[in-house]
Amino acid sequence: MHQNIAVASSVGFHFDVYMAVVWSLERVMKGNGSVQVYAPSPFPHDFEQIVDRLGLYHGHIKNPTDLISDMANTNISLLIIGTCEFECVHSPLFYYLLLIED
């Protein structure tokens, strides 16, 4: 089982879906590991208030630019990233991940 999961996107509008995934991961893990969120902050349309009210995530939202150094310096065992056409065309994170895949 994965102990340190990262969910990342540079597109803030997608976190209405991603935070539901984060909530599900935290419930399934039952405290046996952690989920890290890398997202632009604040979320559009005050979505972080909804996240807080519903308890969708209990950690600190990190800057997406910190993901690369965290991948090198921590034990991230699973990375979930956005793959929509906007993400793939406009995200510097996507280009970096393509480079390290080879």
PDB file of N, CA and C in Angstrom:
ATOM      1  N   MET A   1       0.839  -1.181   0.000  1.00  0.00           N
ATOM      2  CA  MET A   1       0.000   0.000   0.000  1.00  0.00           C
ATOM      3  C   MET A   1       0.886   1.247   0.000  1.00  0.00           C
ATOM      4  N   HIS A   2       0.468   2.259  -0.703  1.00  0.00           N
ATOM      5  CA  HIS A   2       1.224   3.505  -0.784  1.00  0.00           C
ATOM      6  C   HIS A   2       1.110   4.284   0.526  1.00  0.00           C
ATOM      7  N   GLN A   3       2.235   4.829   0.968  1.00  0.00           N
ATOM      8  CA  GLN A   3       2.276   5.548   2.232  1.00  0.00           C
ATOM      9  C   GLN A   3       2.299   7.064   2.079  1.00  0.00           C
ATOM     10  N   ASN A   4       2.772   7.561   0.924  1.00  0.00           N
ATOM     11  CA  ASN A   4       2.861   8.996   0.709  1.00  0.00           C
ATOM     12  C   ASN A   4       2.407   9.297  -0.716  1.00  0.00           C
ATOM     13  N   ILE A   5       1.194   9.793  -0.847  1.00  0.00           N
ATOM     14  CA  ILE A   5       0.584  10.036  -2.147  1.00  0.00           C
ATOM     15  C   ILE A   5       0.537  11.536  -2.400  1.00  0.00           C
ATOM     16  N   ALA A   6       0.909  11.932  -3.621  1.00  0.00           N
ATOM     17  CA  ALA A   6       0.842  13.335  -4.017  1.00  0.00           C
ATOM     18  C   ALA A   6      -0.207  13.490  -5.117  1.00  0.00           C
ATOM     19  N   VAL A   7      -1.074  14.482  -4.969  1.00  0.00           N
ATOM     20  CA  VAL A   7      -2.074  14.833  -5.985  1.00  0.00           C
ATOM     21  C   VAL A   7      -1.719  16.243  -6.439  1.00  0.00           C
ATOM     22  N   ALA A   8      -1.452  16.394  -7.753  1.00  0.00           N
ATOM     23  CA  ALA A   8      -0.932  17.669  -8.233  1.00  0.00           C
ATOM     24  C   ALA A   8      -1.604  18.122  -9.521  1.00  0.00           C
ATOM     25  N   SER A   9      -1.767  19.426  -9.612  1.00  0.00           N
ATOM     26  CA  SER A   9      -2.253  20.060 -10.831  1.00  0.00           C
ATOM     27  C   SER A   9      -1.879  21.532 -10.763  1.00  0.00           C
ATOM     28  N   SER A  10      -1.666  22.117 -11.921  1.00  0.00           N
ATOM     29  CA  SER A  10      -1.429  23.558 -11.945  1.00  0.00           C
ATOM     30  C   SER A  10      -2.679  24.299 -12.389  1.00  0.00           C
ATOM     31  N   VAL A  11      -3.782  23.576 -12.551  1.00  0.00           N
ATOM     32  CA  VAL A  11      -5.054  24.163 -12.971  1.00  0.00           C
ATOM     33  C   VAL A  11      -6.012  24.118 -11.788  1.00  0.00           C
ATOM     34  N   GLY A  12      -6.257  25.258 -11.190  1.00  0.00           N
ATOM     35  CA  GLY A  12      -7.080  25.313  -9.987  1.00  0.00           C
ATOM     36  C   GLY A  12      -8.522  24.904 -10.183  1.00  0.00           C
ATOM     37  N   PHE A  13      -9.039  25.034 -11.390  1.00  0.00           N
ATOM     38  CA  PHE A  13     -10.443  24.704 -11.637  1.00  0.00           C
ATOM     39  C   PHE A  13     -10.723  23.209 -11.559  1.00  0.00           C
ATOM     40  N   HIS A  14      -9.689  22.369 -11.563  1.00  0.00           N
ATOM     41  CA  HIS A  14      -9.901  20.925 -11.528  1.00  0.00           C
ATOM     42  C   HIS A  14     -10.021  20.364 -10.122  1.00  0.00           C
ATOM     43  N   PHE A  15      -9.786  21.174  -9.128  1.00  0.00           N
ATOM     44  CA  PHE A  15      -9.751  20.636  -7.780  1.00  0.00           C
ATOM     45  C   PHE A  15     -11.121  20.335  -7.200  1.00  0.00           C
ATOM     46  N   ASP A  16     -12.186  20.705  -7.889  1.00  0.00           N
ATOM     47  CA  ASP A  16     -13.495  20.226  -7.448  1.00  0.00           C
ATOM     48  C   ASP A  16     -13.561  18.710  -7.601  1.00  0.00           C
ATOM     49  N   VAL A  17     -12.863  18.162  -8.572  1.00  0.00           N
ATOM     50  CA  VAL A  17     -12.790  16.709  -8.760  1.00  0.00           C
ATOM     51  C   VAL A  17     -11.654  16.127  -7.921  1.00  0.00           C
ATOM     52  N   TYR A  18     -10.480  16.753  -7.977  1.00  0.00           N
ATOM     53  CA  TYR A  18      -9.318  16.196  -7.293  1.00  0.00           C
ATOM     54  C   TYR A  18      -9.499  16.119  -5.788  1.00  0.00           C
ATOM     55  N   MET A  19     -10.193  17.076  -5.192  1.00  0.00           N
ATOM     56  CA  MET A  19     -10.361  17.032  -3.744  1.00  0.00           C
ATOM     57  C   MET A  19     -11.288  15.900  -3.320  1.00  0.00           C
ATOM     58  N   ALA A  20     -12.201  15.512  -4.177  1.00  0.00           N
ATOM     59  CA  ALA A  20     -13.012  14.324  -3.878  1.00  0.00           C
ATOM     60  C   ALA A  20     -12.128  13.076  -3.900  1.00  0.00           C
ATOM     61  N   VAL A  21     -11.151  13.030  -4.802  1.00  0.00           N
ATOM     62  CA  VAL A  21     -10.196  11.921  -4.843  1.00  0.00           C
ATOM     63  C   VAL A  21      -9.346  11.933  -3.576  1.00  0.00           C
ATOM     64  N   VAL A  22      -8.878  13.109  -3.181  1.00  0.00           N
ATOM     65  CA  VAL A  22      -8.070  13.240  -1.965  1.00  0.00           C
ATOM     66  C   VAL A  22      -8.863  12.767  -0.750  1.00  0.00           C
ATOM     67  N   TRP A  23     -10.110  13.184  -0.647  1.00  0.00           N
ATOM     68  CA  TRP A  23     -10.972  12.766   0.465  1.00  0.00           C
ATOM     69  C   TRP A  23     -11.089  11.238   0.495  1.00  0.00           C
ATOM     70  N   SER A  24     -11.305  10.641  -0.677  1.00  0.00           N
ATOM     71  CA  SER A  24     -11.426   9.180  -0.752  1.00  0.00           C
ATOM     72  C   SER A  24     -10.130   8.494  -0.337  1.00  0.00           C
ATOM     73  N   LEU A  25      -8.996   9.015  -0.798  1.00  0.00           N
ATOM     74  CA  LEU A  25      -7.705   8.426  -0.426  1.00  0.00           C
ATOM     75  C   LEU A  25      -7.479   8.491   1.083  1.00  0.00           C
ATOM     76  N   GLU A  26      -7.754   9.642   1.684  1.00  0.00           N
ATOM     77  CA  GLU A  26      -7.566   9.776   3.134  1.00  0.00           C
ATOM     78  C   GLU A  26      -8.465   8.800   3.893  1.00  0.00           C
ATOM     79  N   ARG A  27      -9.676   8.609   3.431  1.00  0.00           N
ATOM     80  CA  ARG A  27     -10.600   7.663   4.110  1.00  0.00           C
ATOM     81  C   ARG A  27     -10.116   6.240   3.988  1.00  0.00           C
ATOM     82  N   VAL A  28      -9.666   5.853   2.804  1.00  0.00           N
ATOM     83  CA  VAL A  28      -9.202   4.482   2.586  1.00  0.00           C
ATOM     84  C   VAL A  28      -7.922   4.201   3.373  1.00  0.00           C
ATOM     85  N   MET A  29      -7.038   5.204   3.447  1.00  0.00           N
ATOM     86  CA  MET A  29      -5.765   5.021   4.150  1.00  0.00           C
ATOM     87  C   MET A  29      -5.935   4.988   5.669  1.00  0.00           C
ATOM     88  N   LYS A  30      -7.013   5.573   6.198  1.00  0.00           N
ATOM     89  CA  LYS A  30      -7.331   5.547   7.629  1.00  0.00           C
ATOM     90  C   LYS A  30      -6.143   5.922   8.509  1.00  0.00           C
ATOM     91  N   GLY A  31      -5.407   6.966   8.106  1.00  0.00           N
ATOM     92  CA  GLY A  31      -4.284   7.423   8.914  1.00  0.00           C
ATOM     93  C   GLY A  31      -2.990   6.658   8.710  1.00  0.00           C
ATOM     94  N   ASN A  32      -2.999   5.642   7.865  1.00  0.00           N
ATOM     95  CA  ASN A  32      -1.795   4.853   7.582  1.00  0.00           C
ATOM     96  C   ASN A  32      -1.080   5.402   6.358  1.00  0.00           C
ATOM     97  N   GLY A  33      -0.564   6.594   6.467  1.00  0.00           N
ATOM     98  CA  GLY A  33       0.101   7.257   5.355  1.00  0.00           C
ATOM     99  C   GLY A  33      -0.416   8.677   5.234  1.00  0.00           C
ATOM    100  N   SER A  34       0.016   9.347   4.167  1.00  0.00           N
ATOM    101  CA  SER A  34      -0.400  10.734   3.998  1.00  0.00           C
ATOM    102  C   SER A  34      -0.679  11.046   2.533  1.00  0.00           C
ATOM    103  N   VAL A  35      -1.486  12.073   2.349  1.00  0.00           N
ATOM    104  CA  VAL A  35      -1.794  12.591   1.021  1.00  0.00           C
ATOM    105  C   VAL A  35      -1.344  14.046   0.996  1.00  0.00           C
ATOM    106  N   GLN A  36      -0.560  14.393  -0.002  1.00  0.00           N
ATOM    107  CA  GLN A  36      -0.086  15.762  -0.182  1.00  0.00           C
ATOM    108  C   GLN A  36      -0.801  16.358  -1.395  1.00  0.00           C
ATOM    109  N   VAL A  37      -1.234  17.596  -1.297  1.00  0.00           N
ATOM    110  CA  VAL A  37      -1.912  18.283  -2.395  1.00  0.00           C
ATOM    111  C   VAL A  37      -1.041  19.439  -2.869  1.00  0.00           C
ATOM    112  N   TYR A  38      -0.801  19.471  -4.181  1.00  0.00           N
ATOM    113  CA  TYR A  38      -0.034  20.540  -4.826  1.00  0.00           C
ATOM    114  C   TYR A  38      -0.979  21.245  -5.784  1.00  0.00           C
ATOM    115  N   ALA A  39      -1.315  22.495  -5.463  1.00  0.00           N
ATOM    116  CA  ALA A  39      -2.318  23.219  -6.244  1.00  0.00           C
ATOM    117  C   ALA A  39      -2.088  24.716  -6.154  1.00  0.00           C
ATOM    118  N   PRO A  40      -2.521  25.449  -7.186  1.00  0.00           N
ATOM    119  CA  PRO A  40      -2.498  26.905  -7.058  1.00  0.00           C
ATOM    120  C   PRO A  40      -3.469  27.317  -5.958  1.00  0.00           C
ATOM    121  N   SER A  41      -3.058  28.272  -5.180  1.00  0.00           N
ATOM    122  CA  SER A  41      -3.890  28.690  -4.057  1.00  0.00           C
ATOM    123  C   SER A  41      -3.975  30.206  -4.035  1.00  0.00           C
ATOM    124  N   PRO A  42      -5.107  30.764  -3.705  1.00  0.00           N
ATOM    125  CA  PRO A  42      -6.355  30.111  -3.299  1.00  0.00           C
ATOM    126  C   PRO A  42      -7.095  29.529  -4.506  1.00  0.00           C
ATOM    127  N   PHE A  43      -7.989  28.597  -4.210  1.00  0.00           N
ATOM    128  CA  PHE A  43      -8.819  28.019  -5.272  1.00  0.00           C
ATOM    129  C   PHE A  43      -9.776  29.073  -5.821  1.00  0.00           C
ATOM    130  N   PRO A  44     -10.139  28.944  -7.100  1.00  0.00           N
ATOM    131  CA  PRO A  44     -11.125  29.878  -7.672  1.00  0.00           C
ATOM    132  C   PRO A  44     -12.473  29.784  -6.955  1.00  0.00           C
ATOM    133  N   HIS A  45     -13.191  30.890  -6.925  1.00  0.00           N
ATOM    134  CA  HIS A  45     -14.555  30.971  -6.398  1.00  0.00           C
ATOM    135  C   HIS A  45     -14.656  30.533  -4.936  1.00  0.00           C
ATOM    136  N   ASP A  46     -13.585  30.777  -4.168  1.00  0.00           N
ATOM    137  CA  ASP A  46     -13.564  30.442  -2.734  1.00  0.00           C
ATOM    138  C   ASP A  46     -13.832  28.962  -2.454  1.00  0.00           C
ATOM    139  N   PHE A  47     -13.401  28.100  -3.361  1.00  0.00           N
ATOM    140  CA  PHE A  47     -13.627  26.665  -3.199  1.00  0.00           C
ATOM    141  C   PHE A  47     -12.947  26.114  -1.945  1.00  0.00           C
ATOM    142  N   GLU A  48     -11.872  26.759  -1.485  1.00  0.00           N
ATOM    143  CA  GLU A  48     -11.203  26.265  -0.276  1.00  0.00           C
ATOM    144  C   GLU A  48     -12.129  26.314   0.931  1.00  0.00           C
ATOM    145  N   GLN A  49     -13.101  27.232   0.934  1.00  0.00           N
ATOM    146  CA  GLN A  49     -14.078  27.269   2.026  1.00  0.00           C
ATOM    147  C   GLN A  49     -14.959  26.020   2.009  1.00  0.00           C
ATOM    148  N   ILE A  50     -15.313  25.563   0.835  1.00  0.00           N
ATOM    149  CA  ILE A  50     -16.097  24.330   0.705  1.00  0.00           C
ATOM    150  C   ILE A  50     -15.257  23.138   1.146  1.00  0.00           C
ATOM    151  N   VAL A  51     -13.984  23.113   0.718  1.00  0.00           N
ATOM    152  CA  VAL A  51     -13.070  22.043   1.115  1.00  0.00           C
ATOM    153  C   VAL A  51     -12.985  21.967   2.635  1.00  0.00           C
ATOM    154  N   ASP A  52     -12.815  23.113   3.272  1.00  0.00           N
ATOM    155  CA  ASP A  52     -12.726  23.143   4.737  1.00  0.00           C
ATOM    156  C   ASP A  52     -14.034  22.724   5.401  1.00  0.00           C
ATOM    157  N   ARG A  53     -15.157  23.256   4.914  1.00  0.00           N
ATOM    158  CA  ARG A  53     -16.458  22.961   5.518  1.00  0.00           C
ATOM    159  C   ARG A  53     -16.802  21.475   5.425  1.00  0.00           C
ATOM    160  N   LEU A  54     -16.470  20.850   4.286  1.00  0.00           N
ATOM    161  CA  LEU A  54     -16.790  19.436   4.097  1.00  0.00           C
ATOM    162  C   LEU A  54     -15.701  18.501   4.600  1.00  0.00           C
ATOM    163  N   GLY A  55     -14.563  19.064   4.983  1.00  0.00           N
ATOM    164  CA  GLY A  55     -13.462  18.226   5.468  1.00  0.00           C
ATOM    165  C   GLY A  55     -12.849  17.369   4.379  1.00  0.00           C
ATOM    166  N   LEU A  56     -12.755  17.922   3.163  1.00  0.00           N
ATOM    167  CA  LEU A  56     -12.229  17.142   2.042  1.00  0.00           C
ATOM    168  C   LEU A  56     -10.729  16.911   2.118  1.00  0.00           C
ATOM    169  N   TYR A  57     -10.015  17.782   2.831  1.00  0.00           N
ATOM    170  CA  TYR A  57      -8.565  17.637   2.964  1.00  0.00           C
ATOM    171  C   TYR A  57      -8.144  18.238   4.292  1.00  0.00           C
ATOM    172  N   HIS A  58      -7.212  17.571   4.958  1.00  0.00           N
ATOM    173  CA  HIS A  58      -6.821  18.001   6.292  1.00  0.00           C
ATOM    174  C   HIS A  58      -5.381  18.482   6.372  1.00  0.00           C
ATOM    175  N   GLY A  59      -4.730  18.629   5.236  1.00  0.00           N
ATOM    176  CA  GLY A  59      -3.336  19.062   5.236  1.00  0.00           C
ATOM    177  C   GLY A  59      -3.173  20.458   4.674  1.00  0.00           C
ATOM    178  N   HIS A  60      -1.925  20.836   4.488  1.00  0.00           N
ATOM    179  CA  HIS A  60      -1.565  22.133   3.922  1.00  0.00           C
ATOM    180  C   HIS A  60      -1.455  21.989   2.400  1.00  0.00           C
ATOM    181  N   ILE A  61      -2.057  22.884   1.655  1.00  0.00           N
ATOM    182  CA  ILE A  61      -1.967  22.855   0.195  1.00  0.00           C
ATOM    183  C   ILE A  61      -0.650  23.489  -0.206  1.00  0.00           C
ATOM    184  N   LYS A  62       0.158  22.721  -0.945  1.00  0.00           N
ATOM    185  CA  LYS A  62       1.493  23.154  -1.337  1.00  0.00           C
ATOM    186  C   LYS A  62       1.481  23.754  -2.740  1.00  0.00           C
ATOM    187  N   ASN A  63       2.472  24.564  -3.012  1.00  0.00           N
ATOM    188  CA  ASN A  63       2.631  25.162  -4.327  1.00  0.00           C
ATOM    189  C   ASN A  63       3.049  24.083  -5.327  1.00  0.00           C
ATOM    190  N   PRO A  64       2.455  24.038  -6.530  1.00  0.00           N
ATOM    191  CA  PRO A  64       2.834  23.020  -7.513  1.00  0.00           C
ATOM    192  C   PRO A  64       4.319  23.053  -7.877  1.00  0.00           C
ATOM    193  N   THR A  65       4.955  24.213  -7.762  1.00  0.00           N
ATOM    194  CA  THR A  65       6.376  24.283  -8.093  1.00  0.00           C
ATOM    195  C   THR A  65       7.245  23.544  -7.074  1.00  0.00           C
ATOM    196  N   ASP A  66       6.701  23.228  -5.904  1.00  0.00           N
ATOM    197  CA  ASP A  66       7.452  22.480  -4.888  1.00  0.00           C
ATOM    198  C   ASP A  66       7.453  20.974  -5.140  1.00  0.00           C
ATOM    199  N   LEU A  67       6.623  20.510  -6.043  1.00  0.00           N
ATOM    200  CA  LEU A  67       6.493  19.073  -6.263  1.00  0.00           C
ATOM    201  C   LEU A  67       7.798  18.430  -6.722  1.00  0.00           C
ATOM    202  N   ILE A  68       8.495  19.059  -7.632  1.00  0.00           N
ATOM    203  CA  ILE A  68       9.710  18.460  -8.185  1.00  0.00           C
ATOM    204  C   ILE A  68      10.756  18.250  -7.087  1.00  0.00           C
ATOM    205  N   SER A  69      10.987  19.255  -6.265  1.00  0.00           N
ATOM    206  CA  SER A  69      11.968  19.081  -5.189  1.00  0.00           C
ATOM    207  C   SER A  69      11.467  18.085  -4.151  1.00  0.00           C
ATOM    208  N   ASP A  70      10.168  18.064  -3.881  1.00  0.00           N
ATOM    209  CA  ASP A  70       9.628  17.090  -2.928  1.00  0.00           C
ATOM    210  C   ASP A  70       9.761  15.664  -3.463  1.00  0.00           C
ATOM    211  N   MET A  71       9.628  15.499  -4.765  1.00  0.00           N
ATOM    212  CA  MET A  71       9.805  14.165  -5.351  1.00  0.00           C
ATOM    213  C   MET A  71      11.246  13.699  -5.184  1.00  0.00           C
ATOM    214  N   ALA A  72      12.182  14.618  -5.270  1.00  0.00           N
ATOM    215  CA  ALA A  72      13.596  14.272  -5.136  1.00  0.00           C
ATOM    216  C   ALA A  72      13.994  14.055  -3.679  1.00  0.00           C
ATOM    217  N   ASN A  73      13.310  14.735  -2.755  1.00  0.00           N
ATOM    218  CA  ASN A  73      13.757  14.736  -1.358  1.00  0.00           C
ATOM    219  C   ASN A  73      12.864  13.984  -0.380  1.00  0.00           C
ATOM    220  N   THR A  74      11.709  13.512  -0.826  1.00  0.00           N
ATOM    221  CA  THR A  74      10.823  12.759   0.066  1.00  0.00           C
ATOM    222  C   THR A  74      10.451  11.437  -0.582  1.00  0.00           C
ATOM    223  N   ASN A  75       9.750  10.637   0.137  1.00  0.00           N
ATOM    224  CA  ASN A  75       9.411   9.301  -0.334  1.00  0.00           C
ATOM    225  C   ASN A  75       7.984   9.272  -0.883  1.00  0.00           C
ATOM    226  N   ILE A  76       7.725   9.990  -1.978  1.00  0.00           N
ATOM    227  CA  ILE A  76       6.407   9.966  -2.612  1.00  0.00           C
ATOM    228  C   ILE A  76       6.281   8.636  -3.347  1.00  0.00           C
ATOM    229  N   SER A  77       5.296   7.840  -2.964  1.00  0.00           N
ATOM    230  CA  SER A  77       5.161   6.510  -3.550  1.00  0.00           C
ATOM    231  C   SER A  77       4.155   6.451  -4.689  1.00  0.00           C
ATOM    232  N   LEU A  78       3.285   7.469  -4.797  1.00  0.00           N
ATOM    233  CA  LEU A  78       2.305   7.515  -5.878  1.00  0.00           C
ATOM    234  C   LEU A  78       2.041   8.975  -6.211  1.00  0.00           C
ATOM    235  N   LEU A  79       2.068   9.296  -7.496  1.00  0.00           N
ATOM    236  CA  LEU A  79       1.808  10.654  -7.963  1.00  0.00           C
ATOM    237  C   LEU A  79       0.586  10.637  -8.867  1.00  0.00           C
ATOM    238  N   ILE A  80      -0.417  11.434  -8.519  1.00  0.00           N
ATOM    239  CA  ILE A  80      -1.617  11.582  -9.336  1.00  0.00           C
ATOM    240  C   ILE A  80      -1.602  12.995  -9.892  1.00  0.00           C
ATOM    241  N   ILE A  81      -1.552  13.115 -11.228  1.00  0.00           N
ATOM    242  CA  ILE A  81      -1.507  14.437 -11.850  1.00  0.00           C
ATOM    243  C   ILE A  81      -2.657  14.593 -12.833  1.00  0.00           C
ATOM    244  N   GLY A  82      -3.015  15.842 -13.077  1.00  0.00           N
ATOM    245  CA  GLY A  82      -4.048  16.142 -14.059  1.00  0.00           C
ATOM    246  C   GLY A  82      -3.552  15.874 -15.462  1.00  0.00           C
ATOM    247  N   THR A  83      -4.436  15.366 -16.302  1.00  0.00           N
ATOM    248  CA  THR A  83      -4.027  15.045 -17.668  1.00  0.00           C
ATOM    249  C   THR A  83      -5.006  15.571 -18.710  1.00  0.00           C
ATOM    250  N   CYS A  84      -5.768  16.599 -18.398  1.00  0.00           N
ATOM    251  CA  CYS A  84      -6.660  17.158 -19.410  1.00  0.00           C
ATOM    252  C   CYS A  84      -5.820  17.925 -20.428  1.00  0.00           C
ATOM    253  N   GLU A  85      -6.421  18.287 -21.548  1.00  0.00           N
ATOM    254  CA  GLU A  85      -5.672  18.953 -22.602  1.00  0.00           C
ATOM    255  C   GLU A  85      -5.076  20.281 -22.143  1.00  0.00           C
ATOM    256  N   PHE A  86      -5.767  21.017 -21.305  1.00  0.00           N
ATOM    257  CA  PHE A  86      -5.230  22.280 -20.811  1.00  0.00           C
ATOM    258  C   PHE A  86      -3.994  22.033 -19.957  1.00  0.00           C
ATOM    259  N   GLU A  87      -4.084  21.058 -19.084  1.00  0.00           N
ATOM    260  CA  GLU A  87      -2.962  20.708 -18.210  1.00  0.00           C
ATOM    261  C   GLU A  87      -1.742  20.294 -19.029  1.00  0.00           C
ATOM    262  N   CYS A  88      -1.970  19.458 -20.027  1.00  0.00           N
ATOM    263  CA  CYS A  88      -0.859  18.938 -20.825  1.00  0.00           C
ATOM    264  C   CYS A  88      -0.204  20.002 -21.691  1.00  0.00           C
ATOM    265  N   VAL A  89      -0.942  21.004 -22.102  1.00  0.00           N
ATOM    266  CA  VAL A  89      -0.393  22.036 -22.980  1.00  0.00           C
ATOM    267  C   VAL A  89       0.224  23.184 -22.189  1.00  0.00           C
ATOM    268  N   HIS A  90      -0.357  23.547 -21.062  1.00  0.00           N
ATOM    269  CA  HIS A  90       0.038  24.767 -20.368  1.00  0.00           C
ATOM    270  C   HIS A  90       0.824  24.566 -19.074  1.00  0.00           C
ATOM    271  N   SER A  91       1.015  23.349 -18.626  1.00  0.00           N
ATOM    272  CA  SER A  91       1.665  23.128 -17.336  1.00  0.00           C
ATOM    273  C   SER A  91       3.147  22.818 -17.491  1.00  0.00           C
ATOM    274  N   PRO A  92       4.024  23.619 -16.879  1.00  0.00           N
ATOM    275  CA  PRO A  92       5.457  23.272 -16.900  1.00  0.00           C
ATOM    276  C   PRO A  92       5.732  21.955 -16.175  1.00  0.00           C
ATOM    277  N   LEU A  93       4.894  21.605 -15.221  1.00  0.00           N
ATOM    278  CA  LEU A  93       5.041  20.341 -14.510  1.00  0.00           C
ATOM    279  C   LEU A  93       4.927  19.167 -15.474  1.00  0.00           C
ATOM    280  N   PHE A  94       3.987  19.235 -16.404  1.00  0.00           N
ATOM    281  CA  PHE A  94       3.788  18.156 -17.361  1.00  0.00           C
ATOM    282  C   PHE A  94       5.036  17.954 -18.213  1.00  0.00           C
ATOM    283  N   TYR A  95       5.646  19.042 -18.677  1.00  0.00           N
ATOM    284  CA  TYR A  95       6.849  18.929 -19.499  1.00  0.00           C
ATOM    285  C   TYR A  95       8.003  18.310 -18.713  1.00  0.00           C
ATOM    286  N   TYR A  96       8.137  18.696 -17.467  1.00  0.00           N
ATOM    287  CA  TYR A  96       9.204  18.121 -16.648  1.00  0.00           C
ATOM    288  C   TYR A  96       8.981  16.619 -16.463  1.00  0.00           C
ATOM    289  N   LEU A  97       7.755  16.214 -16.206  1.00  0.00           N
ATOM    290  CA  LEU A  97       7.478  14.796 -16.009  1.00  0.00           C
ATOM    291  C   LEU A  97       7.719  14.005 -17.283  1.00  0.00           C
ATOM    292  N   LEU A  98       7.468  14.596 -18.445  1.00  0.00           N
ATOM    293  CA  LEU A  98       7.807  13.927 -19.704  1.00  0.00           C
ATOM    294  C   LEU A  98       9.306  13.718 -19.824  1.00  0.00           C
ATOM    295  N   LEU A  99      10.087  14.690 -19.396  1.00  0.00           N
ATOM    296  CA  LEU A  99      11.535  14.579 -19.480  1.00  0.00           C
ATOM    297  C   LEU A  99      12.071  13.507 -18.550  1.00  0.00           C
ATOM    298  N   ILE A 100      11.559  13.426 -17.333  1.00  0.00           N
ATOM    299  CA  ILE A 100      12.095  12.437 -16.393  1.00  0.00           C
ATOM    300  C   ILE A 100      11.562  11.040 -16.665  1.00  0.00           C
ATOM    301  N   GLU A 101      10.487  10.928 -17.451  1.00  0.00           N
ATOM    302  CA  GLU A 101       9.942   9.615 -17.784  1.00  0.00           C
ATOM    303  C   GLU A 101      10.936   8.820 -18.616  1.00  0.00           C
ATOM    304  N   ASP A 102      11.684   9.505 -19.491  1.00  0.00           N
ATOM    305  CA  ASP A 102      12.681   8.824 -20.325  1.00  0.00           C
ATOM    306  C   ASP A 102      13.843   8.419 -19.466  1.00  0.00           C
TER     307      ASP A 102
END
